N, C-alpha and C. Protein backbone atom coordinates (compact mmCIF):
# COMPACT_ATOMS: atom_id res chain seq x y z
N MET A 1 6.60 15.92 -18.65
CA MET A 1 5.56 15.64 -17.70
C MET A 1 5.16 14.12 -17.80
N MET A 2 5.05 13.53 -19.01
CA MET A 2 4.67 12.13 -19.09
C MET A 2 5.80 11.29 -18.47
N THR A 3 7.06 11.63 -18.69
CA THR A 3 8.15 10.89 -18.09
C THR A 3 8.11 10.92 -16.59
N ASP A 4 7.70 12.11 -16.04
CA ASP A 4 7.52 12.18 -14.55
C ASP A 4 6.54 11.28 -14.04
N LEU A 5 5.39 11.25 -14.79
CA LEU A 5 4.24 10.36 -14.39
C LEU A 5 4.67 8.94 -14.50
N PHE A 6 5.31 8.56 -15.53
CA PHE A 6 5.76 7.16 -15.66
C PHE A 6 6.74 6.77 -14.52
N GLU A 7 7.67 7.66 -14.18
CA GLU A 7 8.63 7.43 -13.08
C GLU A 7 7.86 7.16 -11.83
N VAL A 8 6.84 7.96 -11.51
CA VAL A 8 6.03 7.76 -10.31
C VAL A 8 5.24 6.43 -10.40
N ILE A 9 4.60 6.16 -11.48
CA ILE A 9 3.85 4.91 -11.54
C ILE A 9 4.77 3.75 -11.40
N PHE A 10 5.86 3.69 -12.08
CA PHE A 10 6.81 2.59 -12.03
C PHE A 10 7.38 2.40 -10.54
N ALA A 11 7.65 3.58 -9.94
CA ALA A 11 8.24 3.46 -8.55
C ALA A 11 7.27 2.78 -7.60
N TYR A 12 5.97 3.24 -7.71
CA TYR A 12 4.96 2.66 -6.78
C TYR A 12 4.68 1.25 -7.17
N THR A 13 4.58 0.94 -8.45
CA THR A 13 4.39 -0.46 -8.86
C THR A 13 5.51 -1.39 -8.50
N ARG A 14 6.73 -0.99 -8.67
CA ARG A 14 7.85 -1.75 -8.23
C ARG A 14 7.89 -1.98 -6.76
N SER A 15 7.58 -0.90 -5.95
CA SER A 15 7.62 -1.02 -4.50
C SER A 15 6.56 -2.10 -4.10
N ARG A 16 5.33 -1.95 -4.69
CA ARG A 16 4.27 -2.95 -4.22
C ARG A 16 4.60 -4.43 -4.70
N MET A 17 5.17 -4.52 -5.84
CA MET A 17 5.66 -5.90 -6.27
C MET A 17 6.75 -6.44 -5.39
N LYS A 18 7.61 -5.61 -4.99
CA LYS A 18 8.61 -6.06 -3.99
C LYS A 18 7.96 -6.59 -2.72
N ARG A 19 6.99 -5.82 -2.16
CA ARG A 19 6.32 -6.24 -1.02
C ARG A 19 5.44 -7.56 -1.22
N ILE A 20 4.86 -7.66 -2.38
CA ILE A 20 4.07 -8.91 -2.68
C ILE A 20 5.02 -10.10 -2.76
N ASN A 21 6.14 -9.94 -3.42
CA ASN A 21 7.06 -11.10 -3.57
C ASN A 21 7.58 -11.51 -2.15
N LYS A 22 7.91 -10.49 -1.32
CA LYS A 22 8.37 -10.78 0.03
C LYS A 22 7.30 -11.46 0.82
N PHE A 23 6.12 -11.02 0.72
CA PHE A 23 4.91 -11.57 1.43
C PHE A 23 4.73 -13.01 1.01
N LEU A 24 4.71 -13.32 -0.19
CA LEU A 24 4.51 -14.74 -0.77
C LEU A 24 5.63 -15.60 -0.35
N GLU A 25 6.90 -15.04 -0.48
CA GLU A 25 8.10 -15.85 -0.08
C GLU A 25 8.01 -16.30 1.43
N LEU A 26 7.64 -15.28 2.27
CA LEU A 26 7.49 -15.59 3.70
C LEU A 26 6.36 -16.57 4.04
N THR A 27 5.29 -16.40 3.34
CA THR A 27 4.08 -17.20 3.53
C THR A 27 4.39 -18.64 3.19
N VAL A 28 5.00 -18.87 2.06
CA VAL A 28 5.38 -20.27 1.59
C VAL A 28 6.53 -20.81 2.58
N ASN A 29 7.55 -20.03 2.78
CA ASN A 29 8.67 -20.52 3.59
C ASN A 29 8.27 -20.81 5.07
N ASN A 30 7.41 -20.04 5.56
CA ASN A 30 6.89 -20.25 6.95
C ASN A 30 5.85 -21.39 7.06
N GLY A 31 5.45 -21.91 5.92
CA GLY A 31 4.47 -22.92 5.85
C GLY A 31 3.06 -22.49 6.13
N ASP A 32 2.82 -21.19 5.98
CA ASP A 32 1.50 -20.61 6.27
C ASP A 32 0.52 -20.94 5.07
N ALA A 33 1.07 -21.30 4.03
CA ALA A 33 0.23 -21.79 2.83
C ALA A 33 1.02 -22.85 2.01
N TYR A 34 0.23 -23.71 1.46
CA TYR A 34 0.92 -24.69 0.62
C TYR A 34 -0.16 -25.24 -0.40
N MET A 35 0.38 -25.85 -1.40
CA MET A 35 -0.42 -26.32 -2.56
C MET A 35 -0.81 -27.80 -2.26
N ASP A 36 -2.14 -28.07 -2.31
CA ASP A 36 -2.56 -29.47 -2.22
C ASP A 36 -2.70 -29.91 -3.72
N TYR A 37 -1.70 -30.66 -4.16
CA TYR A 37 -1.61 -31.05 -5.55
C TYR A 37 -2.71 -32.06 -5.95
N SER A 38 -3.23 -32.75 -4.97
CA SER A 38 -4.34 -33.69 -5.33
C SER A 38 -5.64 -32.96 -5.74
N THR A 39 -5.86 -31.76 -5.11
CA THR A 39 -7.06 -31.00 -5.46
C THR A 39 -6.81 -29.76 -6.36
N GLY A 40 -5.51 -29.43 -6.40
CA GLY A 40 -5.09 -28.19 -7.12
C GLY A 40 -5.40 -26.86 -6.38
N LYS A 41 -5.66 -26.96 -5.15
CA LYS A 41 -6.02 -25.79 -4.29
C LYS A 41 -4.88 -25.41 -3.33
N VAL A 42 -4.84 -24.10 -3.08
CA VAL A 42 -3.93 -23.63 -2.08
C VAL A 42 -4.54 -23.71 -0.67
N ILE A 43 -3.89 -24.28 0.28
CA ILE A 43 -4.42 -24.43 1.63
C ILE A 43 -3.68 -23.40 2.50
N TYR A 44 -4.56 -22.58 3.34
CA TYR A 44 -4.00 -21.59 4.21
C TYR A 44 -4.15 -22.07 5.68
N LYS A 45 -3.15 -22.00 6.50
CA LYS A 45 -3.28 -22.35 7.87
C LYS A 45 -4.23 -21.36 8.65
N ASP A 46 -3.98 -20.13 8.45
CA ASP A 46 -4.75 -19.03 9.13
C ASP A 46 -5.00 -17.89 8.10
N TYR A 47 -6.10 -18.11 7.29
CA TYR A 47 -6.36 -17.10 6.26
C TYR A 47 -6.62 -15.74 6.77
N LYS A 48 -7.29 -15.56 7.91
CA LYS A 48 -7.58 -14.20 8.44
C LYS A 48 -6.24 -13.52 8.76
N LYS A 49 -5.31 -14.24 9.43
CA LYS A 49 -4.01 -13.61 9.72
C LYS A 49 -3.26 -13.22 8.49
N LEU A 50 -3.30 -14.01 7.44
CA LEU A 50 -2.69 -13.64 6.18
C LEU A 50 -3.33 -12.46 5.49
N GLU A 51 -4.70 -12.46 5.61
CA GLU A 51 -5.43 -11.30 5.04
C GLU A 51 -5.06 -10.01 5.75
N GLN A 52 -4.98 -10.06 7.04
CA GLN A 52 -4.63 -8.82 7.85
C GLN A 52 -3.25 -8.40 7.56
N GLU A 53 -2.27 -9.28 7.40
CA GLU A 53 -0.94 -8.96 7.09
C GLU A 53 -0.87 -8.28 5.68
N PHE A 54 -1.65 -8.86 4.72
CA PHE A 54 -1.73 -8.39 3.36
C PHE A 54 -2.28 -6.97 3.33
N ARG A 55 -3.36 -6.68 4.05
CA ARG A 55 -3.93 -5.42 4.14
C ARG A 55 -3.05 -4.39 4.78
N LYS A 56 -2.25 -4.76 5.74
CA LYS A 56 -1.40 -3.92 6.46
C LYS A 56 -0.10 -3.59 5.68
N ASN A 57 0.49 -4.56 4.99
CA ASN A 57 1.79 -4.47 4.37
C ASN A 57 1.80 -4.24 2.87
N ILE A 58 0.73 -4.64 2.21
CA ILE A 58 0.74 -4.64 0.71
C ILE A 58 -0.10 -3.49 0.21
N ILE A 59 -1.35 -3.40 0.69
CA ILE A 59 -2.29 -2.40 0.10
C ILE A 59 -1.86 -0.96 0.23
N PRO A 60 -1.34 -0.51 1.31
CA PRO A 60 -0.97 0.93 1.46
C PRO A 60 0.03 1.30 0.42
N ASN A 61 -0.24 2.45 -0.18
CA ASN A 61 0.69 3.00 -1.21
C ASN A 61 1.87 3.64 -0.47
N ARG A 62 3.06 3.09 -0.73
CA ARG A 62 4.24 3.73 -0.20
C ARG A 62 5.36 3.25 -0.98
N LEU A 63 6.41 4.06 -0.98
CA LEU A 63 7.65 3.74 -1.77
C LEU A 63 8.66 3.08 -0.96
N GLU A 64 9.24 2.01 -1.45
CA GLU A 64 10.37 1.38 -0.69
C GLU A 64 11.57 2.36 -1.03
N PRO A 65 12.52 2.32 -0.06
CA PRO A 65 13.72 3.23 -0.08
C PRO A 65 14.43 3.14 -1.44
N GLU A 66 14.58 1.96 -2.08
CA GLU A 66 15.30 1.93 -3.31
C GLU A 66 14.61 2.40 -4.55
N TYR A 67 13.34 2.77 -4.40
CA TYR A 67 12.55 3.18 -5.56
C TYR A 67 12.09 4.70 -5.32
N LYS A 68 12.91 5.51 -4.82
CA LYS A 68 12.58 6.94 -4.64
C LYS A 68 12.43 7.62 -5.99
N ILE A 69 11.54 8.67 -5.96
CA ILE A 69 11.35 9.46 -7.13
C ILE A 69 12.47 10.49 -7.33
N GLY A 70 12.94 10.72 -8.43
CA GLY A 70 14.11 11.60 -8.70
C GLY A 70 13.81 13.09 -8.25
N GLN A 71 14.80 13.79 -7.91
CA GLN A 71 14.67 15.18 -7.45
C GLN A 71 14.21 16.12 -8.51
N ASN A 72 14.43 15.82 -9.76
CA ASN A 72 13.98 16.67 -10.90
C ASN A 72 12.54 16.39 -11.33
N ASN A 73 11.92 15.36 -10.75
CA ASN A 73 10.52 14.96 -11.05
C ASN A 73 9.65 16.08 -10.58
N GLY A 74 8.57 16.39 -11.29
CA GLY A 74 7.63 17.54 -10.84
C GLY A 74 6.52 17.01 -9.92
N PHE A 75 6.55 15.74 -9.63
CA PHE A 75 5.54 15.09 -8.71
C PHE A 75 5.73 15.57 -7.33
N LYS A 76 4.53 16.05 -6.84
CA LYS A 76 4.47 16.51 -5.41
C LYS A 76 3.29 15.76 -4.69
N LEU A 77 3.64 15.04 -3.65
CA LEU A 77 2.58 14.29 -2.92
C LEU A 77 1.72 15.34 -2.16
N ILE A 78 0.39 15.32 -2.47
CA ILE A 78 -0.54 16.32 -1.71
C ILE A 78 -1.57 15.58 -0.87
N MET A 79 -1.62 14.25 -1.02
CA MET A 79 -2.61 13.50 -0.19
C MET A 79 -2.03 12.09 -0.02
N ASP A 80 -2.18 11.64 1.20
CA ASP A 80 -1.69 10.31 1.57
C ASP A 80 -2.74 9.61 2.46
N PHE A 81 -3.53 8.72 1.92
CA PHE A 81 -4.60 8.05 2.67
C PHE A 81 -4.09 7.10 3.73
N ASN A 82 -2.83 6.90 3.83
CA ASN A 82 -2.23 6.06 4.93
C ASN A 82 -2.15 6.84 6.26
N LEU A 83 -2.28 8.22 6.07
CA LEU A 83 -2.23 9.12 7.28
C LEU A 83 -3.59 9.55 7.71
N LYS A 84 -3.69 10.27 8.88
CA LYS A 84 -5.01 10.73 9.36
C LYS A 84 -4.92 12.23 9.53
N GLY A 85 -6.12 12.81 9.65
CA GLY A 85 -6.25 14.21 9.95
C GLY A 85 -5.59 15.13 8.85
N VAL A 86 -5.08 16.28 9.39
CA VAL A 86 -4.43 17.21 8.46
C VAL A 86 -3.12 16.62 7.91
N ASP A 87 -2.52 15.65 8.49
CA ASP A 87 -1.33 14.98 7.95
C ASP A 87 -1.66 14.27 6.65
N ARG A 88 -2.91 13.83 6.54
CA ARG A 88 -3.37 13.12 5.25
C ARG A 88 -3.19 14.04 4.07
N TYR A 89 -3.47 15.35 4.27
CA TYR A 89 -3.38 16.36 3.22
C TYR A 89 -2.13 17.18 3.29
N MET A 90 -0.98 16.62 3.82
CA MET A 90 0.28 17.31 3.87
C MET A 90 0.12 18.72 4.52
N ASN A 91 -0.78 18.76 5.52
CA ASN A 91 -1.01 20.05 6.23
C ASN A 91 -1.47 21.26 5.33
N LEU A 92 -2.00 20.94 4.11
CA LEU A 92 -2.51 21.94 3.19
C LEU A 92 -3.92 22.27 3.53
N VAL A 93 -4.51 21.54 4.32
CA VAL A 93 -5.98 21.81 4.75
C VAL A 93 -6.04 22.06 6.23
N GLU A 94 -6.77 23.12 6.60
CA GLU A 94 -6.92 23.43 8.01
C GLU A 94 -7.72 22.41 8.78
N GLU A 95 -7.43 22.22 9.99
CA GLU A 95 -8.13 21.18 10.92
C GLU A 95 -9.65 21.53 10.84
N GLU A 96 -10.03 22.77 10.95
CA GLU A 96 -11.40 23.05 11.00
C GLU A 96 -12.18 22.81 9.72
N CYS A 97 -11.48 22.58 8.60
CA CYS A 97 -12.12 22.14 7.34
C CYS A 97 -12.47 20.70 7.28
N LEU A 98 -11.89 19.92 8.23
CA LEU A 98 -12.10 18.51 8.30
C LEU A 98 -13.38 18.19 9.24
N VAL A 99 -14.20 17.21 8.80
CA VAL A 99 -15.31 16.85 9.72
C VAL A 99 -14.75 15.84 10.73
N ASN A 100 -14.75 16.09 11.99
CA ASN A 100 -14.26 15.18 13.06
C ASN A 100 -12.82 14.79 12.78
N GLY A 101 -12.10 15.70 12.26
CA GLY A 101 -10.63 15.40 12.00
C GLY A 101 -10.35 14.61 10.75
N ASN A 102 -11.45 14.27 10.06
CA ASN A 102 -11.33 13.51 8.77
C ASN A 102 -12.57 13.72 7.97
N TYR A 103 -12.60 13.36 6.68
CA TYR A 103 -13.77 13.32 5.94
C TYR A 103 -14.56 12.07 6.40
N GLU A 104 -15.83 12.19 6.71
CA GLU A 104 -16.66 11.05 7.15
C GLU A 104 -16.77 10.11 5.92
N GLY A 105 -16.61 8.85 6.21
CA GLY A 105 -16.86 7.83 5.20
C GLY A 105 -15.76 7.58 4.25
N ILE A 106 -14.83 8.48 4.22
CA ILE A 106 -13.72 8.34 3.23
C ILE A 106 -12.80 7.13 3.57
N ASP A 107 -12.65 6.79 4.79
CA ASP A 107 -11.90 5.61 5.16
C ASP A 107 -12.55 4.37 4.65
N ASP A 108 -13.81 4.32 4.67
CA ASP A 108 -14.51 3.15 4.24
C ASP A 108 -14.36 2.91 2.77
N GLU A 109 -14.38 4.04 2.02
CA GLU A 109 -14.15 4.04 0.54
C GLU A 109 -12.86 3.53 0.11
N TRP A 110 -11.73 3.90 0.89
CA TRP A 110 -10.38 3.63 0.53
C TRP A 110 -9.80 2.45 1.12
N ASN A 111 -10.40 1.87 2.13
CA ASN A 111 -9.81 0.74 2.85
C ASN A 111 -10.57 -0.59 2.41
């Protein structure tokens, strides 16, 4: 069970780190951010745009294709906050059990 848990943790961590590295590489290579060596500060051309990209591409928990969890792992995904409505709960919860198709306020807590 512990090895299953570590496999899941490492897969999600490696996936997120891959996305972070790609994001930073693109940000620097596109000139969207650069270091001002005279002040020691990072200068952003459009901070809001970078923040939106980061929230959209980095924060959501998802596995990159090369970091899939093994078939013998006992992990079963039962909730995915990247989805909405009953899909969020892998259709294990009836629609009428949700308030307005979602739990009220839960999006604010997780986003």
